[in-house]
Amino acid sequence: MTGGPMSTLEFLGAELRRARKERALSQEDLAQQISYSSSLVGMVEIGHRTPSQDFITRADAALEAGGLFERLLALVRADSAPPWLREWISVEREATLIRWFEPSLVPGLLQTEAYARAVLEWGGLLRPPEVERSLTSRMERQGVLLRDGAPQFIALLDEAALRRVVGEPALMVEQFEHLLKVTGMPHVHVHVVPAGAGAHAGLAGPFILARTPEGLDVAHLDNQLRAQVTDRPEDVDTLQRKWETVRGEALPRRASRDFIQELAKSWI
């Protein structure tokens, strides 16, 4: 625990610890009752791991908390996105079309939890609670592809994003399996920009274009500190032209899937 303000995740953990001790249970006792490891219980209690919905449901029942932890988990999820990202999340949730170009990593909406965690933990720049908040936000955002009336999602991935090693081989195998699974969804299209395309207009950085129900396009750009959201016509038009240029260098959908399958074999 740090000396700064307590996060909602840390508060949930502190309340879990308090309720456990009130019932004279050790971490091992609670772990056995809810069929999770004692180490995970400990990580949740110090705010270093975001519990799953199943974990919380079981803990609520075992500690007879009356839904307290369910409500706290909802607060953790609501508080997980940094303020500068919340504007984009609201756009993303309503979008009818999302076009995402990514030169370096698998797009966030297509990442596995393990891959996302490894990316967020790179370099140790984020404290464990910050990693957990960002991870929770990222996993929650992925629900946009599973909801009724999900948007058409088109991703352009530079080959380098697929070849970049993130974590252990088993993590990469899981990520490739997940990519192949989601690309089987009719509204999800992934196109690979092969290395043979050489330099192209997208190498300046990742960007996303989302179309609102009103037919307007809104853009999202990342930098090292925070995201920028813009609907300025000149900005959107520039990114539209970049998208079309890069899309022209990408492999067709089926060929891209075959490409990903071949890359996946190298990790097995």
C-alpha atoms as a PDB file:
ATOM      1  CA  MET A   1       0.000   0.000   0.000  1.00  0.00           C
ATOM      2  CA  THR A   2       1.361   3.437  -0.852  1.00  0.00           C
ATOM      3  CA  GLY A   3       1.018   6.676   1.045  1.00  0.00           C
ATOM      4  CA  GLY A   4      -1.167   8.211  -1.664  1.00  0.00           C
ATOM      5  CA  PRO A   5      -4.937   8.062  -2.021  1.00  0.00           C
ATOM      6  CA  MET A   6      -6.387   4.552  -1.907  1.00  0.00           C
ATOM      7  CA  SER A   7      -7.663   3.353  -5.277  1.00  0.00           C
ATOM      8  CA  THR A   8     -11.026   1.636  -5.624  1.00  0.00           C
ATOM      9  CA  LEU A   9      -9.164  -1.628  -6.268  1.00  0.00           C
ATOM     10  CA  GLU A  10      -7.152  -1.221  -3.064  1.00  0.00           C
ATOM     11  CA  PHE A  11     -10.360  -0.362  -1.188  1.00  0.00           C
ATOM     12  CA  LEU A  12     -12.031  -3.541  -2.465  1.00  0.00           C
ATOM     13  CA  GLY A  13      -9.002  -5.527  -1.284  1.00  0.00           C
ATOM     14  CA  ALA A  14      -9.025  -3.882   2.135  1.00  0.00           C
ATOM     15  CA  GLU A  15     -12.733  -4.640   2.565  1.00  0.00           C
ATOM     16  CA  LEU A  16     -12.157  -8.255   1.522  1.00  0.00           C
ATOM     17  CA  ARG A  17      -9.396  -8.577   4.103  1.00  0.00           C
ATOM     18  CA  ARG A  18     -11.559  -6.965   6.793  1.00  0.00           C
ATOM     19  CA  ALA A  19     -14.502  -9.274   6.079  1.00  0.00           C
ATOM     20  CA  ARG A  20     -12.232 -12.336   6.023  1.00  0.00           C
ATOM     21  CA  LYS A  21     -10.651 -11.475   9.373  1.00  0.00           C
ATOM     22  CA  GLU A  22     -14.049 -10.744  10.946  1.00  0.00           C
ATOM     23  CA  ARG A  23     -14.963 -14.354  10.176  1.00  0.00           C
ATOM     24  CA  ALA A  24     -11.624 -15.552  11.632  1.00  0.00           C
ATOM     25  CA  LEU A  25     -10.553 -17.004   8.284  1.00  0.00           C
ATOM     26  CA  SER A  26      -7.005 -17.193   6.991  1.00  0.00           C
ATOM     27  CA  GLN A  27      -6.261 -16.482   3.358  1.00  0.00           C
ATOM     28  CA  GLU A  28      -5.852 -20.220   2.871  1.00  0.00           C
ATOM     29  CA  ASP A  29      -9.264 -20.866   4.510  1.00  0.00           C
ATOM     30  CA  LEU A  30     -11.013 -18.402   2.191  1.00  0.00           C
ATOM     31  CA  ALA A  31      -9.107 -19.716  -0.822  1.00  0.00           C
ATOM     32  CA  GLN A  32     -10.330 -23.243  -0.133  1.00  0.00           C
ATOM     33  CA  GLN A  33     -13.917 -22.072   0.280  1.00  0.00           C
ATOM     34  CA  ILE A  34     -13.986 -20.228  -3.029  1.00  0.00           C
ATOM     35  CA  SER A  35     -11.736 -22.669  -4.964  1.00  0.00           C
ATOM     36  CA  TYR A  36      -9.005 -20.156  -5.759  1.00  0.00           C
ATOM     37  CA  SER A  37      -5.362 -20.033  -4.660  1.00  0.00           C
ATOM     38  CA  SER A  38      -4.347 -18.343  -1.422  1.00  0.00           C
ATOM     39  CA  SER A  39      -1.743 -16.358  -3.372  1.00  0.00           C
ATOM     40  CA  LEU A  40      -4.503 -14.860  -5.543  1.00  0.00           C
ATOM     41  CA  VAL A  41      -6.528 -13.986  -2.425  1.00  0.00           C
ATOM     42  CA  GLY A  42      -3.443 -12.231  -1.076  1.00  0.00           C
ATOM     43  CA  MET A  43      -2.847 -10.321  -4.312  1.00  0.00           C
ATOM     44  CA  VAL A  44      -6.473  -9.153  -4.397  1.00  0.00           C
ATOM     45  CA  GLU A  45      -6.301  -8.030  -0.777  1.00  0.00           C
ATOM     46  CA  ILE A  46      -3.331  -5.749  -1.408  1.00  0.00           C
ATOM     47  CA  GLY A  47      -4.812  -4.359  -4.630  1.00  0.00           C
ATOM     48  CA  HIS A  48      -2.299  -6.022  -6.947  1.00  0.00           C
ATOM     49  CA  ARG A  49      -4.767  -8.151  -8.886  1.00  0.00           C
ATOM     50  CA  THR A  50      -8.241  -7.379 -10.194  1.00  0.00           C
ATOM     51  CA  PRO A  51     -10.556 -10.244  -9.197  1.00  0.00           C
ATOM     52  CA  SER A  52     -12.779 -11.910 -11.759  1.00  0.00           C
ATOM     53  CA  GLN A  53     -16.561 -11.771 -11.529  1.00  0.00           C
ATOM     54  CA  ASP A  54     -16.565 -15.435 -10.473  1.00  0.00           C
ATOM     55  CA  PHE A  55     -14.023 -14.794  -7.704  1.00  0.00           C
ATOM     56  CA  ILE A  56     -16.136 -11.957  -6.343  1.00  0.00           C
ATOM     57  CA  THR A  57     -19.405 -13.897  -6.543  1.00  0.00           C
ATOM     58  CA  ARG A  58     -17.860 -16.758  -4.578  1.00  0.00           C
ATOM     59  CA  ALA A  59     -16.251 -14.433  -2.015  1.00  0.00           C
ATOM     60  CA  ASP A  60     -19.552 -12.594  -1.498  1.00  0.00           C
ATOM     61  CA  ALA A  61     -21.265 -15.912  -0.768  1.00  0.00           C
ATOM     62  CA  ALA A  62     -18.496 -17.326   1.434  1.00  0.00           C
ATOM     63  CA  LEU A  63     -18.261 -14.158   3.529  1.00  0.00           C
ATOM     64  CA  GLU A  64     -22.034 -13.541   3.498  1.00  0.00           C
ATOM     65  CA  ALA A  65     -21.325  -9.994   2.358  1.00  0.00           C
ATOM     66  CA  GLY A  66     -24.750  -9.365   0.853  1.00  0.00           C
ATOM     67  CA  GLY A  67     -23.411  -8.302  -2.541  1.00  0.00           C
ATOM     68  CA  LEU A  68     -20.909  -5.796  -1.139  1.00  0.00           C
ATOM     69  CA  PHE A  69     -18.028  -7.074  -3.235  1.00  0.00           C
ATOM     70  CA  GLU A  70     -20.182  -7.235  -6.366  1.00  0.00           C
ATOM     71  CA  ARG A  71     -20.917  -3.529  -5.896  1.00  0.00           C
ATOM     72  CA  LEU A  72     -17.258  -2.719  -5.209  1.00  0.00           C
ATOM     73  CA  LEU A  73     -16.157  -4.579  -8.333  1.00  0.00           C
ATOM     74  CA  ALA A  74     -18.591  -2.464 -10.357  1.00  0.00           C
ATOM     75  CA  LEU A  75     -16.896   0.647  -8.910  1.00  0.00           C
ATOM     76  CA  VAL A  76     -13.451  -0.719  -9.757  1.00  0.00           C
ATOM     77  CA  ARG A  77     -14.532  -1.260 -13.349  1.00  0.00           C
ATOM     78  CA  ALA A  78     -16.112   2.183 -13.605  1.00  0.00           C
ATOM     79  CA  ASP A  79     -12.954   3.781 -12.218  1.00  0.00           C
ATOM     80  CA  SER A  80     -10.508   1.707 -14.241  1.00  0.00           C
ATOM     81  CA  ALA A  81     -10.179   3.980 -17.280  1.00  0.00           C
ATOM     82  CA  PRO A  82      -8.087   7.147 -16.856  1.00  0.00           C
ATOM     83  CA  PRO A  83     -10.069  10.372 -17.352  1.00  0.00           C
ATOM     84  CA  TRP A  84      -8.347  11.171 -20.661  1.00  0.00           C
ATOM     85  CA  LEU A  85      -9.517   7.821 -22.113  1.00  0.00           C
ATOM     86  CA  ARG A  86     -13.146   7.997 -21.014  1.00  0.00           C
ATOM     87  CA  GLU A  87     -14.226  10.271 -23.864  1.00  0.00           C
ATOM     88  CA  TRP A  88     -12.963   7.724 -26.370  1.00  0.00           C
ATOM     89  CA  ILE A  89     -14.567   4.789 -24.556  1.00  0.00           C
ATOM     90  CA  SER A  90     -17.955   6.499 -24.848  1.00  0.00           C
ATOM     91  CA  VAL A  91     -17.382   6.915 -28.600  1.00  0.00           C
ATOM     92  CA  GLU A  92     -16.215   3.316 -28.941  1.00  0.00           C
ATOM     93  CA  ARG A  93     -19.283   1.940 -27.181  1.00  0.00           C
ATOM     94  CA  GLU A  94     -21.657   3.636 -29.621  1.00  0.00           C
ATOM     95  CA  ALA A  95     -19.649   3.132 -32.804  1.00  0.00           C
ATOM     96  CA  THR A  96     -21.071   1.317 -35.809  1.00  0.00           C
ATOM     97  CA  LEU A  97     -17.654   0.943 -37.471  1.00  0.00           C
ATOM     98  CA  ILE A  98     -14.181   0.850 -35.911  1.00  0.00           C
ATOM     99  CA  ARG A  99     -11.064   0.942 -38.070  1.00  0.00           C
ATOM    100  CA  TRP A 100      -7.798   0.418 -36.197  1.00  0.00           C
ATOM    101  CA  PHE A 101      -4.243   0.632 -37.545  1.00  0.00           C
ATOM    102  CA  GLU A 102      -1.505  -0.767 -35.307  1.00  0.00           C
ATOM    103  CA  PRO A 103       2.192  -0.903 -36.295  1.00  0.00           C
ATOM    104  CA  SER A 104       3.709  -2.251 -33.068  1.00  0.00           C
ATOM    105  CA  LEU A 105       1.338  -4.420 -31.026  1.00  0.00           C
ATOM    106  CA  VAL A 106      -1.846  -6.433 -31.306  1.00  0.00           C
ATOM    107  CA  PRO A 107      -4.743  -3.924 -30.972  1.00  0.00           C
ATOM    108  CA  GLY A 108      -6.096  -3.604 -27.440  1.00  0.00           C
ATOM    109  CA  LEU A 109      -9.553  -4.904 -28.359  1.00  0.00           C
ATOM    110  CA  LEU A 110      -7.945  -8.124 -29.660  1.00  0.00           C
ATOM    111  CA  GLN A 111      -5.434  -8.745 -26.856  1.00  0.00           C
ATOM    112  CA  THR A 112      -5.626 -11.620 -24.405  1.00  0.00           C
ATOM    113  CA  GLU A 113      -5.456 -10.717 -20.731  1.00  0.00           C
ATOM    114  CA  ALA A 114      -1.964 -12.230 -20.418  1.00  0.00           C
ATOM    115  CA  TYR A 115      -0.661 -10.319 -23.449  1.00  0.00           C
ATOM    116  CA  ALA A 116      -2.183  -7.058 -22.199  1.00  0.00           C
ATOM    117  CA  ARG A 117      -0.717  -7.580 -18.729  1.00  0.00           C
ATOM    118  CA  ALA A 118       2.748  -8.225 -20.174  1.00  0.00           C
ATOM    119  CA  VAL A 119       2.545  -5.034 -22.253  1.00  0.00           C
ATOM    120  CA  LEU A 120       1.420  -2.942 -19.283  1.00  0.00           C
ATOM    121  CA  GLU A 121       4.140  -4.374 -17.046  1.00  0.00           C
ATOM    122  CA  TRP A 122       6.961  -3.613 -19.504  1.00  0.00           C
ATOM    123  CA  GLY A 123       9.795  -1.727 -17.873  1.00  0.00           C
ATOM    124  CA  GLY A 124       8.092  -1.569 -14.471  1.00  0.00           C
ATOM    125  CA  LEU A 125       6.889   1.958 -15.201  1.00  0.00           C
ATOM    126  CA  LEU A 126       3.426   1.357 -13.727  1.00  0.00           C
ATOM    127  CA  ARG A 127       2.747   0.384 -10.123  1.00  0.00           C
ATOM    128  CA  PRO A 128       0.803  -2.892  -9.733  1.00  0.00           C
ATOM    129  CA  PRO A 129      -2.479  -1.076  -8.931  1.00  0.00           C
ATOM    130  CA  GLU A 130      -2.036   1.063 -12.067  1.00  0.00           C
ATOM    131  CA  VAL A 131      -1.421  -2.057 -14.143  1.00  0.00           C
ATOM    132  CA  GLU A 132      -4.588  -3.607 -12.729  1.00  0.00           C
ATOM    133  CA  ARG A 133      -6.709  -0.529 -13.422  1.00  0.00           C
ATOM    134  CA  SER A 134      -5.487  -0.313 -17.015  1.00  0.00           C
ATOM    135  CA  LEU A 135      -5.931  -4.042 -17.521  1.00  0.00           C
ATOM    136  CA  THR A 136      -9.479  -3.959 -16.162  1.00  0.00           C
ATOM    137  CA  SER A 137     -10.332  -1.086 -18.486  1.00  0.00           C
ATOM    138  CA  ARG A 138      -8.855  -2.858 -21.504  1.00  0.00           C
ATOM    139  CA  MET A 139     -10.700  -6.120 -20.836  1.00  0.00           C
ATOM    140  CA  GLU A 140     -13.971  -4.254 -20.226  1.00  0.00           C
ATOM    141  CA  ARG A 141     -13.604  -2.386 -23.524  1.00  0.00           C
ATOM    142  CA  GLN A 142     -13.441  -5.675 -25.408  1.00  0.00           C
ATOM    143  CA  GLY A 143     -17.110  -6.218 -24.640  1.00  0.00           C
ATOM    144  CA  VAL A 144     -17.912  -3.809 -27.477  1.00  0.00           C
ATOM    145  CA  LEU A 145     -17.146  -6.611 -29.951  1.00  0.00           C
ATOM    146  CA  LEU A 146     -19.482  -9.026 -28.181  1.00  0.00           C
ATOM    147  CA  ARG A 147     -22.551  -6.863 -27.588  1.00  0.00           C
ATOM    148  CA  ASP A 148     -25.755  -7.012 -29.594  1.00  0.00           C
ATOM    149  CA  GLY A 149     -25.337  -4.841 -32.647  1.00  0.00           C
ATOM    150  CA  ALA A 150     -21.554  -4.950 -32.360  1.00  0.00           C
ATOM    151  CA  PRO A 151     -19.719  -2.602 -34.730  1.00  0.00           C
ATOM    152  CA  GLN A 152     -17.883  -3.809 -37.792  1.00  0.00           C
ATOM    153  CA  PHE A 153     -14.267  -3.948 -36.673  1.00  0.00           C
ATOM    154  CA  ILE A 154     -11.444  -3.748 -39.207  1.00  0.00           C
ATOM    155  CA  ALA A 155      -7.846  -3.920 -38.041  1.00  0.00           C
ATOM    156  CA  LEU A 156      -4.725  -3.324 -40.097  1.00  0.00           C
ATOM    157  CA  LEU A 157      -1.706  -4.893 -38.402  1.00  0.00           C
ATOM    158  CA  ASP A 158       1.812  -4.314 -39.538  1.00  0.00           C
ATOM    159  CA  GLU A 159       3.684  -7.628 -39.691  1.00  0.00           C
ATOM    160  CA  ALA A 160       6.061  -6.296 -37.030  1.00  0.00           C
ATOM    161  CA  ALA A 161       3.175  -6.188 -34.538  1.00  0.00           C
ATOM    162  CA  LEU A 162       2.675  -9.935 -34.961  1.00  0.00           C
ATOM    163  CA  ARG A 163       6.348 -10.823 -34.815  1.00  0.00           C
ATOM    164  CA  ARG A 164       7.125  -8.773 -31.714  1.00  0.00           C
ATOM    165  CA  VAL A 165       7.767 -11.133 -28.797  1.00  0.00           C
ATOM    166  CA  VAL A 166       5.640 -10.316 -25.768  1.00  0.00           C
ATOM    167  CA  GLY A 167       6.269 -12.583 -22.793  1.00  0.00           C
ATOM    168  CA  GLU A 168       6.787 -16.338 -22.856  1.00  0.00           C
ATOM    169  CA  PRO A 169       6.089 -18.580 -25.872  1.00  0.00           C
ATOM    170  CA  ALA A 170       2.930 -19.947 -24.222  1.00  0.00           C
ATOM    171  CA  LEU A 171       1.591 -16.390 -23.999  1.00  0.00           C
ATOM    172  CA  MET A 172       2.208 -15.851 -27.705  1.00  0.00           C
ATOM    173  CA  VAL A 173       0.542 -19.157 -28.586  1.00  0.00           C
ATOM    174  CA  GLU A 174      -2.529 -18.088 -26.606  1.00  0.00           C
ATOM    175  CA  GLN A 175      -2.551 -14.676 -28.314  1.00  0.00           C
ATOM    176  CA  PHE A 176      -2.359 -16.165 -31.809  1.00  0.00           C
ATOM    177  CA  GLU A 177      -5.104 -18.676 -30.973  1.00  0.00           C
ATOM    178  CA  HIS A 178      -7.261 -15.804 -29.752  1.00  0.00           C
ATOM    179  CA  LEU A 179      -6.592 -13.786 -32.910  1.00  0.00           C
ATOM    180  CA  LEU A 180      -7.622 -16.723 -35.092  1.00  0.00           C
ATOM    181  CA  LYS A 181     -10.768 -17.169 -33.010  1.00  0.00           C
ATOM    182  CA  VAL A 182     -11.913 -13.550 -33.195  1.00  0.00           C
ATOM    183  CA  THR A 183     -11.115 -13.270 -36.893  1.00  0.00           C
ATOM    184  CA  GLY A 184     -13.658 -16.029 -37.393  1.00  0.00           C
ATOM    185  CA  MET A 185     -16.380 -13.636 -36.210  1.00  0.00           C
ATOM    186  CA  PRO A 186     -18.237 -12.197 -39.205  1.00  0.00           C
ATOM    187  CA  HIS A 187     -17.929  -8.581 -38.061  1.00  0.00           C
ATOM    188  CA  VAL A 188     -14.193  -8.746 -37.247  1.00  0.00           C
ATOM    189  CA  HIS A 189     -11.730  -8.336 -40.135  1.00  0.00           C
ATOM    190  CA  VAL A 190      -7.969  -8.407 -39.640  1.00  0.00           C
ATOM    191  CA  HIS A 191      -5.583  -7.536 -42.473  1.00  0.00           C
ATOM    192  CA  VAL A 192      -1.822  -7.926 -42.255  1.00  0.00           C
ATOM    193  CA  VAL A 193       0.494  -5.371 -43.851  1.00  0.00           C
ATOM    194  CA  PRO A 194       3.466  -7.571 -44.819  1.00  0.00           C
ATOM    195  CA  ALA A 195       7.032  -6.452 -44.275  1.00  0.00           C
ATOM    196  CA  GLY A 196       7.491  -6.626 -48.034  1.00  0.00           C
ATOM    197  CA  ALA A 197       5.290  -3.546 -48.360  1.00  0.00           C
ATOM    198  CA  GLY A 198       8.271  -1.536 -47.128  1.00  0.00           C
ATOM    199  CA  ALA A 199       7.796   1.940 -45.667  1.00  0.00           C
ATOM    200  CA  HIS A 200       4.186   3.107 -45.640  1.00  0.00           C
ATOM    201  CA  ALA A 201       2.008   5.949 -44.412  1.00  0.00           C
ATOM    202  CA  GLY A 202       1.027   4.228 -41.163  1.00  0.00           C
ATOM    203  CA  LEU A 203       4.492   3.968 -39.676  1.00  0.00           C
ATOM    204  CA  ALA A 204       4.153   7.386 -38.019  1.00  0.00           C
ATOM    205  CA  GLY A 205       2.010   5.756 -35.342  1.00  0.00           C
ATOM    206  CA  PRO A 206      -1.220   3.925 -34.484  1.00  0.00           C
ATOM    207  CA  PHE A 207      -4.648   5.460 -34.937  1.00  0.00           C
ATOM    208  CA  ILE A 208      -8.299   4.495 -34.730  1.00  0.00           C
ATOM    209  CA  LEU A 209     -11.313   5.814 -36.630  1.00  0.00           C
ATOM    210  CA  ALA A 210     -14.773   5.238 -35.174  1.00  0.00           C
ATOM    211  CA  ARG A 211     -18.044   6.027 -36.922  1.00  0.00           C
ATOM    212  CA  THR A 212     -20.883   7.270 -34.742  1.00  0.00           C
ATOM    213  CA  PRO A 213     -24.548   6.256 -35.253  1.00  0.00           C
ATOM    214  CA  GLU A 214     -24.990   9.684 -36.881  1.00  0.00           C
ATOM    215  CA  GLY A 215     -22.405   8.784 -39.532  1.00  0.00           C
ATOM    216  CA  LEU A 216     -19.647  11.059 -38.237  1.00  0.00           C
ATOM    217  CA  ASP A 217     -16.053   9.831 -37.889  1.00  0.00           C
ATOM    218  CA  VAL A 218     -14.041  10.431 -34.740  1.00  0.00           C
ATOM    219  CA  ALA A 219     -10.322   9.715 -34.463  1.00  0.00           C
ATOM    220  CA  HIS A 220      -8.177   8.440 -31.601  1.00  0.00           C
ATOM    221  CA  LEU A 221      -4.380   8.801 -31.512  1.00  0.00           C
ATOM    222  CA  ASP A 222      -2.019   7.565 -28.805  1.00  0.00           C
ATOM    223  CA  ASN A 223       1.199   9.118 -27.631  1.00  0.00           C
ATOM    224  CA  GLN A 224       3.591   8.295 -24.805  1.00  0.00           C
ATOM    225  CA  LEU A 225       1.498  10.091 -22.198  1.00  0.00           C
ATOM    226  CA  ARG A 226      -2.173  10.048 -23.168  1.00  0.00           C
ATOM    227  CA  ALA A 227      -4.679   9.734 -25.969  1.00  0.00           C
ATOM    228  CA  GLN A 228      -6.011  12.475 -28.216  1.00  0.00           C
ATOM    229  CA  VAL A 229      -9.581  12.349 -29.504  1.00  0.00           C
ATOM    230  CA  THR A 230     -10.526  14.590 -32.419  1.00  0.00           C
ATOM    231  CA  ASP A 231     -13.430  15.047 -34.806  1.00  0.00           C
ATOM    232  CA  ARG A 232     -11.877  18.011 -36.651  1.00  0.00           C
ATOM    233  CA  PRO A 233     -12.693  17.390 -40.327  1.00  0.00           C
ATOM    234  CA  GLU A 234      -9.131  18.124 -41.474  1.00  0.00           C
ATOM    235  CA  ASP A 235      -7.661  15.666 -38.929  1.00  0.00           C
ATOM    236  CA  VAL A 236     -10.161  12.945 -39.748  1.00  0.00           C
ATOM    237  CA  ASP A 237      -9.645  13.467 -43.478  1.00  0.00           C
ATOM    238  CA  THR A 238      -5.867  13.081 -43.107  1.00  0.00           C
ATOM    239  CA  LEU A 239      -6.274   9.824 -41.211  1.00  0.00           C
ATOM    240  CA  GLN A 240      -8.881   8.582 -43.676  1.00  0.00           C
ATOM    241  CA  ARG A 241      -6.358   9.043 -46.482  1.00  0.00           C
ATOM    242  CA  LYS A 242      -3.654   7.306 -44.451  1.00  0.00           C
ATOM    243  CA  TRP A 243      -6.053   4.424 -43.804  1.00  0.00           C
ATOM    244  CA  GLU A 244      -6.846   3.960 -47.469  1.00  0.00           C
ATOM    245  CA  THR A 245      -3.163   4.078 -48.392  1.00  0.00           C
ATOM    246  CA  VAL A 246      -2.174   1.473 -45.789  1.00  0.00           C
ATOM    247  CA  ARG A 247      -5.227  -0.671 -46.577  1.00  0.00           C
ATOM    248  CA  GLY A 248      -3.992  -0.835 -50.161  1.00  0.00           C
ATOM    249  CA  GLU A 249      -0.742  -2.441 -48.938  1.00  0.00           C
ATOM    250  CA  ALA A 250      -2.476  -5.048 -46.750  1.00  0.00           C
ATOM    251  CA  LEU A 251      -3.237  -8.664 -47.575  1.00  0.00           C
ATOM    252  CA  PRO A 252      -6.864  -9.716 -48.177  1.00  0.00           C
ATOM    253  CA  ARG A 253      -8.788 -11.096 -45.214  1.00  0.00           C
ATOM    254  CA  ARG A 254      -8.332 -14.792 -46.037  1.00  0.00           C
ATOM    255  CA  ALA A 255      -4.673 -14.396 -46.926  1.00  0.00           C
ATOM    256  CA  SER A 256      -4.136 -12.497 -43.671  1.00  0.00           C
ATOM    257  CA  ARG A 257      -5.719 -15.303 -41.682  1.00  0.00           C
ATOM    258  CA  ASP A 258      -3.459 -17.819 -43.432  1.00  0.00           C
ATOM    259  CA  PHE A 259      -0.485 -15.577 -42.655  1.00  0.00           C
ATOM    260  CA  ILE A 260      -1.419 -15.493 -38.959  1.00  0.00           C
ATOM    261  CA  GLN A 261      -1.865 -19.273 -38.914  1.00  0.00           C
ATOM    262  CA  GLU A 262       1.617 -19.763 -40.340  1.00  0.00           C
ATOM    263  CA  LEU A 263       3.130 -17.404 -37.776  1.00  0.00           C
ATOM    264  CA  ALA A 264       1.257 -19.211 -35.002  1.00  0.00           C
ATOM    265  CA  LYS A 265       2.963 -22.488 -35.924  1.00  0.00           C
ATOM    266  CA  SER A 266       6.354 -20.963 -35.124  1.00  0.00           C
ATOM    267  CA  TRP A 267       5.298 -20.612 -31.474  1.00  0.00           C
ATOM    268  CA  ILE A 268       4.034 -24.177 -31.015  1.00  0.00           C
END
